Protein backbone atom coordinates (compact mmCIF):
# COMPACT_ATOMS: atom_id res chain seq x y z
CA UNK A 1 0.00 0.00 0.00
CA UNK A 2 3.05 2.25 0.03
CA UNK A 3 2.06 4.07 -3.20
CA UNK A 4 -1.43 4.82 -1.90
CA UNK A 5 -1.94 8.15 -0.15
CA UNK A 6 -4.91 9.93 1.37
CA UNK A 7 -6.06 12.45 -1.19
CA UNK A 8 -9.48 13.68 -0.01
CA UNK A 9 -11.34 13.90 3.30
CA UNK A 10 -15.07 14.68 3.20
CA UNK A 11 -17.39 15.53 6.07
CA UNK A 12 -21.13 15.09 5.51
CA UNK A 13 -23.95 16.53 7.60
CA UNK A 14 -27.72 16.73 7.23
CA UNK A 15 -30.12 18.76 9.41
CA UNK A 16 -32.56 15.86 9.53
CA UNK A 17 -29.91 14.02 11.60
CA UNK A 18 -28.41 17.12 13.13
CA UNK A 19 -26.21 15.50 15.77
CA UNK A 20 -24.36 13.12 13.44
CA UNK A 21 -21.15 13.64 11.46
CA UNK A 22 -20.07 11.30 8.66
CA UNK A 23 -16.54 11.10 7.29
CA UNK A 24 -15.20 9.64 4.08
CA UNK A 25 -11.50 9.20 3.35
CA UNK A 26 -10.45 8.70 -0.27
CA UNK A 27 -7.07 7.70 -1.73
CA UNK A 28 -5.34 8.60 -4.95
CA UNK A 29 -5.85 5.04 -6.23
CA UNK A 30 -9.63 5.22 -5.97
CA UNK A 31 -10.49 3.56 -2.65
CA UNK A 32 -12.78 5.05 -0.01
CA UNK A 33 -13.71 4.32 3.60
CA UNK A 34 -16.47 5.79 5.76
CA UNK A 35 -16.94 6.55 9.45
CA UNK A 36 -19.44 8.18 11.78
CA UNK A 37 -19.73 9.91 15.13
CA UNK A 38 -22.20 12.16 16.93
CA UNK A 39 -22.77 15.14 19.23
CA UNK A 40 -21.02 18.55 19.22
CA UNK A 41 -21.02 18.22 15.40
CA UNK A 42 -19.63 21.69 14.63
CA UNK A 43 -16.58 21.10 16.83
CA UNK A 44 -16.05 17.58 15.52
CA UNK A 45 -16.26 18.83 11.95
CA UNK A 46 -13.75 21.60 12.65
CA UNK A 47 -11.30 19.14 14.15
CA UNK A 48 -11.57 16.67 11.27
CA UNK A 49 -11.24 19.31 8.54
CA UNK A 50 -8.63 21.25 10.48
CA UNK A 51 -5.72 19.66 12.35
CA UNK A 52 -6.68 16.05 11.58
CA UNK A 53 -6.78 16.72 7.82
CA UNK A 54 -3.56 18.75 8.04
CA UNK A 55 -1.91 15.64 9.39
CA UNK A 56 -3.62 12.94 7.27
CA UNK A 57 -3.53 14.32 3.73
CA UNK A 58 -0.74 12.72 1.75
CA UNK A 59 -0.23 9.94 4.30
CA UNK A 60 -0.30 6.17 3.67
CA UNK A 61 -3.83 5.09 4.77
CA UNK A 62 -2.67 1.64 5.89
CA UNK A 63 -0.65 2.96 8.87
CA UNK A 64 -3.72 3.07 11.09
CA UNK A 65 -2.03 2.63 14.47
CA UNK A 66 0.46 5.40 13.71
CA UNK A 67 -2.31 7.75 12.61
CA UNK A 68 -4.35 7.02 15.74
CA UNK A 69 -1.40 7.89 17.95
CA UNK A 70 -0.54 11.09 16.12
CA UNK A 71 -4.12 12.38 15.85
CA UNK A 72 -4.85 11.54 19.49
CA UNK A 73 -2.23 14.14 20.46
CA UNK A 74 -3.63 16.92 18.29
CA UNK A 75 -6.44 17.87 20.67
CA UNK A 76 -6.63 20.12 23.68
CA UNK A 77 -5.25 17.34 25.86
CA UNK A 78 -3.39 14.14 25.06
CA UNK A 79 -5.84 11.44 23.94
CA UNK A 80 -8.67 13.84 24.94
CA UNK A 81 -10.94 11.50 26.89
CA UNK A 82 -14.56 11.69 25.61
CA UNK A 83 -13.79 14.95 23.85
CA UNK A 84 -14.87 16.28 20.46
CA UNK A 85 -11.38 15.43 19.25
CA UNK A 86 -11.80 11.81 20.33
CA UNK A 87 -15.14 11.61 18.55
CA UNK A 88 -13.52 12.95 15.40
CA UNK A 89 -10.65 10.50 15.74
CA UNK A 90 -13.16 7.66 16.21
CA UNK A 91 -14.85 8.47 12.90
CA UNK A 92 -11.50 8.81 11.11
CA UNK A 93 -10.27 5.51 12.52
CA UNK A 94 -13.47 3.77 11.40
CA UNK A 95 -13.02 5.16 7.90
CA UNK A 96 -9.38 4.01 7.70
CA UNK A 97 -10.30 0.46 8.73
CA UNK A 98 -13.18 0.43 6.25
CA UNK A 99 -10.90 1.70 3.49
CA UNK A 100 -8.27 -0.96 4.21
CA UNK A 101 -10.83 -3.77 4.18
CA UNK A 102 -12.37 -2.58 0.92
CA UNK A 103 -8.93 -2.29 -0.67
CA UNK A 104 -8.17 -5.87 0.34
CA UNK A 105 -11.63 -6.90 -0.91
CA UNK A 106 -12.71 -8.44 2.41
CA UNK A 107 -15.26 -7.79 5.17
CA UNK A 108 -13.83 -5.82 8.07
CA UNK A 109 -14.04 -8.80 10.42
CA UNK A 110 -11.36 -10.53 8.33
CA UNK A 111 -8.87 -7.75 9.16
CA UNK A 112 -9.78 -8.00 12.85
CA UNK A 113 -8.86 -11.69 12.95
CA UNK A 114 -11.76 -13.40 11.23
CA UNK A 115 -15.12 -14.65 12.41
CA UNK A 116 -15.23 -16.06 15.92
CA UNK A 117 -18.94 -16.68 15.35
CA UNK A 118 -21.32 -16.48 12.40
CA UNK A 119 -24.00 -14.59 14.33
CA UNK A 120 -24.33 -12.62 17.55
CA UNK A 121 -27.37 -12.34 19.80
CA UNK A 122 -28.95 -8.88 19.81
CA UNK A 123 -31.18 -7.02 22.23
CA UNK A 124 -33.63 -4.22 21.50
CA UNK A 125 -33.08 -0.90 23.18
CA UNK A 126 -36.64 0.31 23.58
CA UNK A 127 -36.18 3.81 22.21
CA UNK A 128 -38.76 5.62 20.15
CA UNK A 129 -38.28 7.24 16.78
CA UNK A 130 -36.97 10.57 18.11
CA UNK A 131 -34.56 9.40 20.80
CA UNK A 132 -30.88 10.08 21.42
CA UNK A 133 -29.01 11.55 18.45
CA UNK A 134 -32.29 11.73 16.53
CA UNK A 135 -34.03 13.71 19.27
CA UNK A 136 -35.52 16.87 17.83
CA UNK A 137 -35.10 20.14 19.75
CA UNK A 138 -38.49 20.11 21.45
CA UNK A 139 -39.12 21.93 24.66
CA UNK A 140 -37.71 20.32 27.75
CA UNK A 141 -39.60 17.22 28.73
CA UNK A 142 -41.48 17.00 25.43
CA UNK A 143 -40.94 13.66 23.71
CA UNK A 144 -42.29 13.27 20.20
CA UNK A 145 -44.19 10.04 20.75
CA UNK A 146 -45.88 8.71 17.63
CA UNK A 147 -48.17 6.17 19.19
CA UNK A 148 -49.74 5.29 15.87
CA UNK A 149 -46.43 3.84 14.68
CA UNK A 150 -45.43 0.23 15.41
CA UNK A 151 -42.09 0.89 17.14
CA UNK A 152 -42.74 3.67 19.66
CA UNK A 153 -41.08 1.41 22.20
CA UNK A 154 -40.18 4.10 24.74
CA UNK A 155 -43.85 4.95 25.18
CA UNK A 156 -44.73 1.27 25.29
CA UNK A 157 -42.35 0.24 28.07
CA UNK A 158 -44.14 2.64 30.42
CA UNK A 159 -47.70 2.13 29.21
CA UNK A 160 -47.79 -1.46 27.95
CA UNK A 161 -44.63 -3.33 28.97
CA UNK A 162 -46.17 -6.79 28.58
CA UNK A 163 -47.43 -5.95 25.09
CA UNK A 164 -44.04 -4.54 24.14
CA UNK A 165 -42.27 -7.68 25.32
CA UNK A 166 -44.76 -9.80 23.40
CA UNK A 167 -44.15 -7.77 20.24
CA UNK A 168 -40.40 -8.24 20.62
CA UNK A 169 -40.72 -11.97 21.25
CA UNK A 170 -42.79 -12.28 18.09
CA UNK A 171 -39.93 -10.67 16.12
CA UNK A 172 -37.38 -13.04 17.62
CA UNK A 173 -35.93 -10.79 20.32
CA UNK A 174 -35.39 -12.38 23.71
CA UNK A 175 -33.68 -9.39 25.38
CA UNK A 176 -34.71 -5.76 25.79
CA UNK A 177 -33.47 -2.63 27.59
CA UNK A 178 -35.69 -0.05 29.31
CA UNK A 179 -35.27 3.02 31.57
CA UNK A 180 -38.49 3.67 33.50
CA UNK A 181 -36.67 5.37 36.39
CA UNK A 182 -35.46 8.25 34.18
CA UNK A 183 -38.86 9.94 34.43
CA UNK A 184 -38.12 10.79 38.07
CA UNK A 185 -34.62 12.23 37.64
CA UNK A 186 -35.72 15.84 37.16
CA UNK A 187 -37.59 15.89 40.48
CA UNK A 188 -34.35 15.96 42.48
CA UNK A 189 -31.65 15.97 39.80
CA UNK A 190 -30.93 12.35 40.63
CA UNK A 191 -30.31 12.97 44.32
CA UNK A 192 -33.31 11.03 45.66
CA UNK A 193 -35.98 8.59 44.54
CA UNK A 194 -38.88 7.96 46.90
CA UNK A 195 -40.86 4.80 47.55
CA UNK A 196 -43.78 5.72 45.31
CA UNK A 197 -41.42 6.46 42.42
CA UNK A 198 -39.50 3.25 43.05
CA UNK A 199 -42.67 1.24 42.88
CA UNK A 200 -43.81 2.94 39.68
CA UNK A 201 -40.40 2.59 38.02
CA UNK A 202 -40.12 -1.07 38.97
CA UNK A 203 -43.63 -1.96 37.77
CA UNK A 204 -42.65 -2.65 34.11
CA UNK A 205 -40.10 -5.24 35.25
CA UNK A 206 -42.67 -6.96 37.45
CA UNK A 207 -45.28 -7.00 34.68
CA UNK A 208 -42.88 -8.40 32.06
CA UNK A 209 -41.57 -11.09 34.38
CA UNK A 210 -45.02 -12.18 35.57
CA UNK A 211 -46.49 -12.21 32.05
CA UNK A 212 -43.61 -13.75 30.11
CA UNK A 213 -41.74 -15.62 32.86
CA UNK A 214 -38.16 -16.30 31.74
CA UNK A 215 -38.72 -15.84 28.03
CA UNK A 216 -37.44 -12.26 28.06
CA UNK A 217 -34.19 -10.86 29.49
CA UNK A 218 -34.60 -7.26 30.61
CA UNK A 219 -31.79 -4.75 31.08
CA UNK A 220 -32.03 -1.69 33.35
CA UNK A 221 -30.60 1.56 31.96
CA UNK A 222 -29.90 4.38 34.43
CA UNK A 223 -27.97 6.76 32.13
CA UNK A 224 -25.51 7.80 34.89
CA UNK A 225 -28.21 10.04 36.36
CA UNK A 226 -28.27 8.91 40.00
CA UNK A 227 -26.12 9.41 43.06
CA UNK A 228 -24.85 6.31 44.85
CA UNK A 229 -27.60 5.76 47.47
CA UNK A 230 -30.36 6.35 44.92
CA UNK A 231 -28.80 3.94 42.43
CA UNK A 232 -28.45 1.30 45.14
CA UNK A 233 -32.08 1.82 46.14
CA UNK A 234 -33.18 1.31 42.53
CA UNK A 235 -31.09 -1.84 42.22
CA UNK A 236 -32.57 -3.33 45.39
CA UNK A 237 -36.08 -2.56 44.16
CA UNK A 238 -35.61 -4.29 40.79
CA UNK A 239 -33.41 -7.21 41.93
CA UNK A 240 -36.34 -9.62 42.53
CA UNK A 241 -37.13 -9.52 38.78
CA UNK A 242 -33.62 -10.67 37.82
CA UNK A 243 -32.51 -8.04 35.30
CA UNK A 244 -29.82 -9.10 32.84
CA UNK A 245 -27.72 -6.07 33.81
CA UNK A 246 -27.93 -2.55 35.24
CA UNK A 247 -26.19 0.00 33.05
CA UNK A 248 -24.38 3.22 33.95
CA UNK A 249 -25.92 3.42 37.44
CA UNK A 250 -23.88 6.44 38.58
CA UNK A 251 -21.81 9.12 36.83
CA UNK A 252 -18.63 7.62 35.37
CA UNK A 253 -16.33 10.09 37.12
CA UNK A 254 -15.39 7.98 40.17
CA UNK A 255 -14.64 4.29 39.78
CA UNK A 256 -14.49 3.80 43.54
CA UNK A 257 -18.14 4.82 43.66
CA UNK A 258 -18.91 2.45 40.78
CA UNK A 259 -17.13 -0.32 42.70
CA UNK A 260 -19.28 0.40 45.76
CA UNK A 261 -22.40 0.16 43.62
CA UNK A 262 -21.33 -3.08 41.94
CA UNK A 263 -20.71 -4.69 45.34
CA UNK A 264 -24.13 -3.61 46.60
CA UNK A 265 -26.21 -5.65 44.15
CA UNK A 266 -26.51 -9.09 42.61
CA UNK A 267 -27.31 -7.50 39.22
CA UNK A 268 -24.29 -7.39 36.86
CA UNK A 269 -23.04 -3.81 36.44
CA UNK A 270 -22.44 -2.60 32.88
CA UNK A 271 -20.30 0.45 31.97
CA UNK A 272 -19.76 2.57 29.97
CA UNK A 273 -20.55 4.16 26.63
CA UNK A 274 -19.53 7.47 28.24
CA UNK A 275 -15.85 6.47 28.50
CA UNK A 276 -13.17 6.82 25.86
CA UNK A 277 -9.74 5.22 25.37
CA UNK A 278 -8.09 2.16 26.87
CA UNK A 279 -6.67 4.19 29.74
CA UNK A 280 -10.07 4.92 31.23
CA UNK A 281 -11.15 1.29 30.87
CA UNK A 282 -7.88 0.03 32.37
CA UNK A 283 -8.56 2.02 35.53
CA UNK A 284 -12.15 0.76 35.70
CA UNK A 285 -10.97 -2.85 35.30
CA UNK A 286 -8.23 -2.42 37.89
CA UNK A 287 -10.77 -1.09 40.38
CA UNK A 288 -12.93 -4.22 39.76
CA UNK A 289 -15.76 -1.74 39.24
CA UNK A 290 -17.64 -3.41 36.38
CA UNK A 291 -19.14 -6.77 35.42
CA UNK A 292 -19.70 -6.11 31.70
CA UNK A 293 -17.65 -3.74 29.56
CA UNK A 294 -19.66 -1.49 27.24
CA UNK A 295 -18.27 1.06 24.80
CA UNK A 296 -19.39 2.94 21.72
CA UNK A 297 -17.07 2.50 18.73
CA UNK A 298 -17.86 5.97 17.38
CA UNK A 299 -16.90 7.64 20.68
CA UNK A 300 -14.33 5.37 22.33
CA UNK A 301 -11.57 5.87 19.76
CA UNK A 302 -12.82 3.85 16.81
CA UNK A 303 -12.26 0.23 15.89
CA UNK A 304 -8.59 0.42 16.92
CA UNK A 305 -9.40 1.32 20.50
CA UNK A 306 -12.46 -0.94 20.71
CA UNK A 307 -10.37 -3.97 19.75
CA UNK A 308 -7.69 -3.13 22.33
CA UNK A 309 -10.25 -2.60 25.08
CA UNK A 310 -11.98 -5.88 24.19
CA UNK A 311 -8.70 -7.78 24.54
CA UNK A 312 -7.96 -6.06 27.82
CA UNK A 313 -11.43 -6.95 29.13
CA UNK A 314 -10.83 -10.57 28.18
CA UNK A 315 -7.70 -10.59 30.36
CA UNK A 316 -10.01 -9.72 33.28
CA UNK A 317 -12.50 -12.42 32.24
CA UNK A 318 -15.05 -9.74 31.42
CA UNK A 319 -17.45 -9.77 28.47
CA UNK A 320 -17.97 -6.81 26.16
CA UNK A 321 -21.16 -5.39 24.67
CA UNK A 322 -20.97 -2.68 22.03
CA UNK A 323 -23.32 0.30 22.19
CA UNK A 324 -25.47 1.70 19.41
CA UNK A 325 -27.99 4.49 19.57
CA UNK A 326 -25.87 6.55 17.20
CA UNK A 327 -26.34 5.70 13.54
CA UNK A 328 -26.28 2.96 10.92
CA UNK A 329 -22.50 2.99 10.47
CA UNK A 330 -21.90 2.61 14.20
CA UNK A 331 -24.25 -0.37 14.19
CA UNK A 332 -22.52 -1.90 11.17
CA UNK A 333 -19.02 -1.49 12.63
CA UNK A 334 -20.19 -2.80 16.00
CA UNK A 335 -21.55 -5.97 14.43
CA UNK A 336 -18.25 -6.52 12.59
CA UNK A 337 -16.41 -6.32 15.92
CA UNK A 338 -18.98 -8.39 17.81
CA UNK A 339 -18.65 -11.20 15.28
CA UNK A 340 -14.88 -11.21 15.75
CA UNK A 341 -14.25 -10.66 19.47
CA UNK A 342 -14.29 -13.85 21.53
CA UNK A 343 -15.69 -12.26 24.69
CA UNK A 344 -18.65 -10.48 23.05
CA UNK A 345 -21.78 -11.04 25.11
CA UNK A 346 -24.54 -9.40 23.09
CA UNK A 347 -25.07 -6.62 20.53
CA UNK A 348 -27.29 -3.58 21.01
CA UNK A 349 -29.77 -2.59 18.32
CA UNK A 350 -32.79 -0.26 18.10
CA UNK A 351 -35.61 -1.55 15.94
CA UNK A 352 -37.29 1.89 15.82
CA UNK A 353 -34.12 3.21 14.16
CA UNK A 354 -33.33 0.18 12.00
CA UNK A 355 -36.78 0.23 10.43
CA UNK A 356 -36.91 3.97 9.76
CA UNK A 357 -34.19 6.60 9.55
CA UNK A 358 -31.17 4.27 9.44
CA UNK A 359 -32.50 3.05 6.10
CA UNK A 360 -32.56 6.62 4.81
CA UNK A 361 -28.79 6.97 5.24
CA UNK A 362 -27.25 3.70 4.05
CA UNK A 363 -27.76 1.69 0.90
CA UNK A 364 -28.22 -1.57 2.82
CA UNK A 365 -28.62 -2.60 6.44
CA UNK A 366 -26.84 -5.29 8.46
CA UNK A 367 -28.72 -8.58 8.45
CA UNK A 368 -30.66 -8.85 11.73
CA UNK A 369 -33.38 -11.46 12.17
CA UNK A 370 -34.64 -14.00 14.67
CA UNK A 371 -32.83 -12.22 17.48
CA UNK A 372 -29.37 -12.33 15.89
CA UNK A 373 -27.11 -10.17 13.75
CA UNK A 374 -25.58 -12.34 11.04
CA UNK A 375 -22.27 -12.24 9.21
CA UNK A 376 -22.30 -11.39 5.51
CA UNK A 377 -19.68 -11.21 2.78
CA UNK A 378 -20.26 -7.49 2.18
CA UNK A 379 -16.94 -5.63 1.99
CA UNK A 380 -15.56 -3.33 4.66
CA UNK A 381 -18.00 -2.40 7.41
CA UNK A 382 -20.76 -4.01 5.35
CA UNK A 383 -22.75 -0.90 4.41
CA UNK A 384 -22.31 2.26 2.34
CA UNK A 385 -23.82 5.73 2.44
CA UNK A 386 -26.75 5.64 0.05
CA UNK A 387 -26.95 7.55 -3.22
CA UNK A 388 -30.19 9.14 -2.04
CA UNK A 389 -28.52 10.42 1.13
CA UNK A 390 -25.44 11.74 -0.69
CA UNK A 391 -27.56 13.46 -3.35
CA UNK A 392 -30.13 14.82 -0.90
CA UNK A 393 -30.26 18.60 -1.20
CA UNK A 394 -30.12 18.86 2.60
CA UNK A 395 -26.88 16.86 2.80
CA UNK A 396 -23.93 19.22 3.00
CA UNK A 397 -20.36 18.22 2.16
CA UNK A 398 -17.15 19.94 3.20
CA UNK A 399 -13.90 18.79 1.67
CA UNK A 400 -10.15 18.93 2.23
CA UNK A 401 -7.90 17.68 -0.55
CA UNK A 402 -4.24 17.54 -1.49
């Protein structure tokens, strides 16, 4: 690959998906790779088209580890943990891996070490259509529920949890994630949850377990909103219904606190999509603060960092579970990694996204059916940005070239 150099770097944005940034990296010999990240899009875009492009243009695209190291030092602090720079680097790293796999005419999982498994179990995060990065700027507290649509799962887990679980089981899902305690965070900014709120928040877990017995695994998501005593109180309330895990119970700024929480409950503790780089995860592992390692490829440092963290987790006999509420490329890359990494436990997916706006962005979707994401022979990350998305009048493109 020594004669191949990075010739063009494009950044795509579209106001219909206002929090997401897409990157494409093209070489002088006609190959292209794509990546994705989200949040603080203006800052991420400036970093990619500024110092990151200054460094990358004219470089050999195959020297991915070298580029990761150099770009990680371009930000406001070395390896800028969970910063806009790290998000930009994550997208760039994804694009470089995708480019290399396409140039070698193989799926990305082949470059990572090949298939450890042909399919990986998935769970449904019970978001609605306008959740997370796709959340429109409504007034505070206003969620754009479209109850006439089939996948308004966030509304359903509060109002009809048994029916939601039944719908998922019919589609082949046997695991789901919900966050009914979030509705009480604003009352005290996560400093206290009272008995009435505990009972109401725990009710969906009771209903699902009593109706569907052990057919459905249910995860608890706490979004790092709660202080330690409140998180422990929630865990004790939901323990009788045997959740699969409890995710991000406290803010991820003190691993001693996370360790205290983990030791207070029989529910496995999962953390955290809100961390970046192997150094943060090393400290969390050393503190014995987590049961299941979760990260987001588009925030953690890309495929390069995700693979390193996965191997480090394996040394601690910990499973990994990749996060996706970000976009179709993040899902596609996550599945490639999940199919390769030995200690992958399960893969996140959001059916409300997969069946709607993800399809507007990419030309094809990963193959997910009967509760599993399946390997394919599609090249690179397995998907491409669609012609309709690229040619959409709302899609903007900014370019740096040699």
